[in-house]
Amino acid sequence: MLHGCTSSLADFAAGARMNDVADTEGFLVVYPQQPSTAHQNKC
């Protein structure tokens, strides 16, 4: 799952609710994240 430039990882995970689906269906969700110093627009 990739979140947009202005959303936080936690906000995206809560809004997408993929963690709930993953728990029900037995799979993992990966949310890649980089430090804000890696990109000035936080993308």
PDB file of N, CA and C in Angstrom:
ATOM      1  N   MET A   1       0.853  -1.163   0.000  1.00  0.00           N
ATOM      2  CA  MET A   1       0.000   0.000   0.000  1.00  0.00           C
ATOM      3  C   MET A   1       0.903   1.231   0.000  1.00  0.00           C
ATOM      4  N   LEU A   2       0.628   2.145  -0.907  1.00  0.00           N
ATOM      5  CA  LEU A   2       1.398   3.382  -0.978  1.00  0.00           C
ATOM      6  C   LEU A   2       0.489   4.561  -0.657  1.00  0.00           C
ATOM      7  N   HIS A   3       0.916   5.384   0.284  1.00  0.00           N
ATOM      8  CA  HIS A   3       0.106   6.546   0.650  1.00  0.00           C
ATOM      9  C   HIS A   3       0.588   7.773  -0.097  1.00  0.00           C
ATOM     10  N   GLY A   4      -0.263   8.771  -0.195  1.00  0.00           N
ATOM     11  CA  GLY A   4       0.067   9.994  -0.920  1.00  0.00           C
ATOM     12  C   GLY A   4       1.063  10.857  -0.194  1.00  0.00           C
ATOM     13  N   CYS A   5       1.489  11.901  -0.868  1.00  0.00           N
ATOM     14  CA  CYS A   5       2.546  12.762  -0.326  1.00  0.00           C
ATOM     15  C   CYS A   5       2.138  13.497   0.946  1.00  0.00           C
ATOM     16  N   THR A   6       0.881  13.828   1.082  1.00  0.00           N
ATOM     17  CA  THR A   6       0.487  14.632   2.239  1.00  0.00           C
ATOM     18  C   THR A   6      -0.152  13.824   3.356  1.00  0.00           C
ATOM     19  N   SER A   7      -0.402  12.550   3.135  1.00  0.00           N
ATOM     20  CA  SER A   7      -1.009  11.738   4.193  1.00  0.00           C
ATOM     21  C   SER A   7       0.068  11.042   5.006  1.00  0.00           C
ATOM     22  N   SER A   8      -0.244  10.782   6.256  1.00  0.00           N
ATOM     23  CA  SER A   8       0.704  10.040   7.084  1.00  0.00           C
ATOM     24  C   SER A   8       0.424   8.549   6.923  1.00  0.00           C
ATOM     25  N   LEU A   9       1.407   7.778   7.259  1.00  0.00           N
ATOM     26  CA  LEU A   9       1.255   6.326   7.179  1.00  0.00           C
ATOM     27  C   LEU A   9       0.118   5.841   8.074  1.00  0.00           C
ATOM     28  N   ALA A  10       0.048   6.365   9.274  1.00  0.00           N
ATOM     29  CA  ALA A  10      -1.001   5.945  10.223  1.00  0.00           C
ATOM     30  C   ALA A  10      -2.391   6.341   9.730  1.00  0.00           C
ATOM     31  N   ASP A  11      -2.532   7.545   9.196  1.00  0.00           N
ATOM     32  CA  ASP A  11      -3.824   7.991   8.667  1.00  0.00           C
ATOM     33  C   ASP A  11      -4.267   7.128   7.486  1.00  0.00           C
ATOM     34  N   PHE A  12      -3.328   6.818   6.622  1.00  0.00           N
ATOM     35  CA  PHE A  12      -3.648   6.001   5.462  1.00  0.00           C
ATOM     36  C   PHE A  12      -4.068   4.600   5.881  1.00  0.00           C
ATOM     37  N   ALA A  13      -3.328   4.001   6.794  1.00  0.00           N
ATOM     38  CA  ALA A  13      -3.658   2.648   7.262  1.00  0.00           C
ATOM     39  C   ALA A  13      -5.034   2.618   7.912  1.00  0.00           C
ATOM     40  N   ALA A  14      -5.352   3.625   8.709  1.00  0.00           N
ATOM     41  CA  ALA A  14      -6.662   3.679   9.365  1.00  0.00           C
ATOM     42  C   ALA A  14      -7.781   3.871   8.348  1.00  0.00           C
ATOM     43  N   GLY A  15      -7.568   4.730   7.366  1.00  0.00           N
ATOM     44  CA  GLY A  15      -8.598   5.010   6.376  1.00  0.00           C
ATOM     45  C   GLY A  15      -8.816   3.864   5.401  1.00  0.00           C
ATOM     46  N   ALA A  16      -7.746   3.198   5.010  1.00  0.00           N
ATOM     47  CA  ALA A  16      -7.852   2.120   4.022  1.00  0.00           C
ATOM     48  C   ALA A  16      -8.442   0.847   4.634  1.00  0.00           C
ATOM     49  N   ARG A  17      -8.246   0.676   5.927  1.00  0.00           N
ATOM     50  CA  ARG A  17      -8.740  -0.489   6.664  1.00  0.00           C
ATOM     51  C   ARG A  17      -8.254  -1.823   6.099  1.00  0.00           C
ATOM     52  N   MET A  18      -7.122  -1.791   5.424  1.00  0.00           N
ATOM     53  CA  MET A  18      -6.571  -3.022   4.871  1.00  0.00           C
ATOM     54  C   MET A  18      -6.054  -3.951   5.959  1.00  0.00           C
ATOM     55  N   ASN A  19      -5.683  -3.408   7.115  1.00  0.00           N
ATOM     56  CA  ASN A  19      -5.246  -4.266   8.214  1.00  0.00           C
ATOM     57  C   ASN A  19      -6.380  -5.189   8.661  1.00  0.00           C
ATOM     58  N   ASP A  20      -7.602  -4.673   8.677  1.00  0.00           N
ATOM     59  CA  ASP A  20      -8.752  -5.494   9.046  1.00  0.00           C
ATOM     60  C   ASP A  20      -8.967  -6.616   8.038  1.00  0.00           C
ATOM     61  N   VAL A  21      -8.859  -6.279   6.759  1.00  0.00           N
ATOM     62  CA  VAL A  21      -9.017  -7.287   5.709  1.00  0.00           C
ATOM     63  C   VAL A  21      -7.908  -8.330   5.826  1.00  0.00           C
ATOM     64  N   ALA A  22      -6.691  -7.879   6.050  1.00  0.00           N
ATOM     65  CA  ALA A  22      -5.567  -8.797   6.174  1.00  0.00           C
ATOM     66  C   ALA A  22      -5.755  -9.756   7.346  1.00  0.00           C
ATOM     67  N   ASP A  23      -6.224  -9.256   8.468  1.00  0.00           N
ATOM     68  CA  ASP A  23      -6.475 -10.115   9.625  1.00  0.00           C
ATOM     69  C   ASP A  23      -7.524 -11.170   9.302  1.00  0.00           C
ATOM     70  N   THR A  24      -8.570 -10.771   8.613  1.00  0.00           N
ATOM     71  CA  THR A  24      -9.655 -11.686   8.271  1.00  0.00           C
ATOM     72  C   THR A  24      -9.216 -12.724   7.244  1.00  0.00           C
ATOM     73  N   GLU A  25      -8.461 -12.283   6.250  1.00  0.00           N
ATOM     74  CA  GLU A  25      -8.090 -13.148   5.131  1.00  0.00           C
ATOM     75  C   GLU A  25      -6.745 -13.853   5.313  1.00  0.00           C
ATOM     76  N   GLY A  26      -6.005 -13.484   6.342  1.00  0.00           N
ATOM     77  CA  GLY A  26      -4.743 -14.157   6.634  1.00  0.00           C
ATOM     78  C   GLY A  26      -3.566 -13.733   5.771  1.00  0.00           C
ATOM     79  N   PHE A  27      -3.452 -12.449   5.485  1.00  0.00           N
ATOM     80  CA  PHE A  27      -2.279 -11.970   4.764  1.00  0.00           C
ATOM     81  C   PHE A  27      -1.708 -10.746   5.447  1.00  0.00           C
ATOM     82  N   LEU A  28      -0.559 -10.281   4.969  1.00  0.00           N
ATOM     83  CA  LEU A  28       0.122  -9.119   5.541  1.00  0.00           C
ATOM     84  C   LEU A  28      -0.045  -7.918   4.629  1.00  0.00           C
ATOM     85  N   VAL A  29      -0.045  -6.754   5.223  1.00  0.00           N
ATOM     86  CA  VAL A  29      -0.063  -5.509   4.467  1.00  0.00           C
ATOM     87  C   VAL A  29       1.266  -4.809   4.737  1.00  0.00           C
ATOM     88  N   VAL A  30       1.886  -4.322   3.681  1.00  0.00           N
ATOM     89  CA  VAL A  30       3.157  -3.618   3.816  1.00  0.00           C
ATOM     90  C   VAL A  30       2.938  -2.155   3.453  1.00  0.00           C
ATOM     91  N   TYR A  31       3.399  -1.279   4.335  1.00  0.00           N
ATOM     92  CA  TYR A  31       3.306   0.162   4.130  1.00  0.00           C
ATOM     93  C   TYR A  31       4.720   0.731   4.116  1.00  0.00           C
ATOM     94  N   PRO A  32       5.340   0.849   2.946  1.00  0.00           N
ATOM     95  CA  PRO A  32       6.692   1.391   2.912  1.00  0.00           C
ATOM     96  C   PRO A  32       6.709   2.860   3.339  1.00  0.00           C
ATOM     97  N   GLN A  33       7.794   3.233   3.992  1.00  0.00           N
ATOM     98  CA  GLN A  33       7.924   4.613   4.452  1.00  0.00           C
ATOM     99  C   GLN A  33       9.388   4.998   4.400  1.00  0.00           C
ATOM    100  N   GLN A  34       9.652   6.237   4.052  1.00  0.00           N
ATOM    101  CA  GLN A  34      11.015   6.750   4.057  1.00  0.00           C
ATOM    102  C   GLN A  34      11.075   7.958   4.979  1.00  0.00           C
ATOM    103  N   PRO A  35      12.253   8.298   5.451  1.00  0.00           N
ATOM    104  CA  PRO A  35      12.358   9.481   6.313  1.00  0.00           C
ATOM    105  C   PRO A  35      12.052  10.744   5.521  1.00  0.00           C
ATOM    106  N   SER A  36      11.505  11.744   6.199  1.00  0.00           N
ATOM    107  CA  SER A  36      11.154  12.995   5.524  1.00  0.00           C
ATOM    108  C   SER A  36      12.380  13.703   4.946  1.00  0.00           C
ATOM    109  N   THR A  37      13.555  13.387   5.459  1.00  0.00           N
ATOM    110  CA  THR A  37      14.782  13.987   4.931  1.00  0.00           C
ATOM    111  C   THR A  37      15.118  13.440   3.538  1.00  0.00           C
ATOM    112  N   ALA A  38      14.491  12.330   3.149  1.00  0.00           N
ATOM    113  CA  ALA A  38      14.766  11.732   1.843  1.00  0.00           C
ATOM    114  C   ALA A  38      14.045  12.462   0.715  1.00  0.00           C
ATOM    115  N   HIS A  39      12.987  13.215   1.048  1.00  0.00           N
ATOM    116  CA  HIS A  39      12.248  13.920   0.019  1.00  0.00           C
ATOM    117  C   HIS A  39      11.537  15.103   0.672  1.00  0.00           C
ATOM    118  N   GLN A  40      11.787  16.286   0.170  1.00  0.00           N
ATOM    119  CA  GLN A  40      11.250  17.494   0.827  1.00  0.00           C
ATOM    120  C   GLN A  40       9.723  17.568   0.799  1.00  0.00           C
ATOM    121  N   ASN A  41       9.064  16.910  -0.161  1.00  0.00           N
ATOM    122  CA  ASN A  41       7.595  16.921  -0.224  1.00  0.00           C
ATOM    123  C   ASN A  41       6.965  15.760   0.528  1.00  0.00           C
ATOM    124  N   LYS A  42       7.793  14.980   1.203  1.00  0.00           N
ATOM    125  CA  LYS A  42       7.370  13.838   2.004  1.00  0.00           C
ATOM    126  C   LYS A  42       6.648  12.769   1.174  1.00  0.00           C
ATOM    127  N   CYS A  43       7.037  12.647  -0.072  1.00  0.00           N
ATOM    128  CA  CYS A  43       6.453  11.613  -0.939  1.00  0.00           C
ATOM    129  C   CYS A  43       7.168  10.299  -0.726  1.00  0.00           C
TER     130      CYS A  43
END
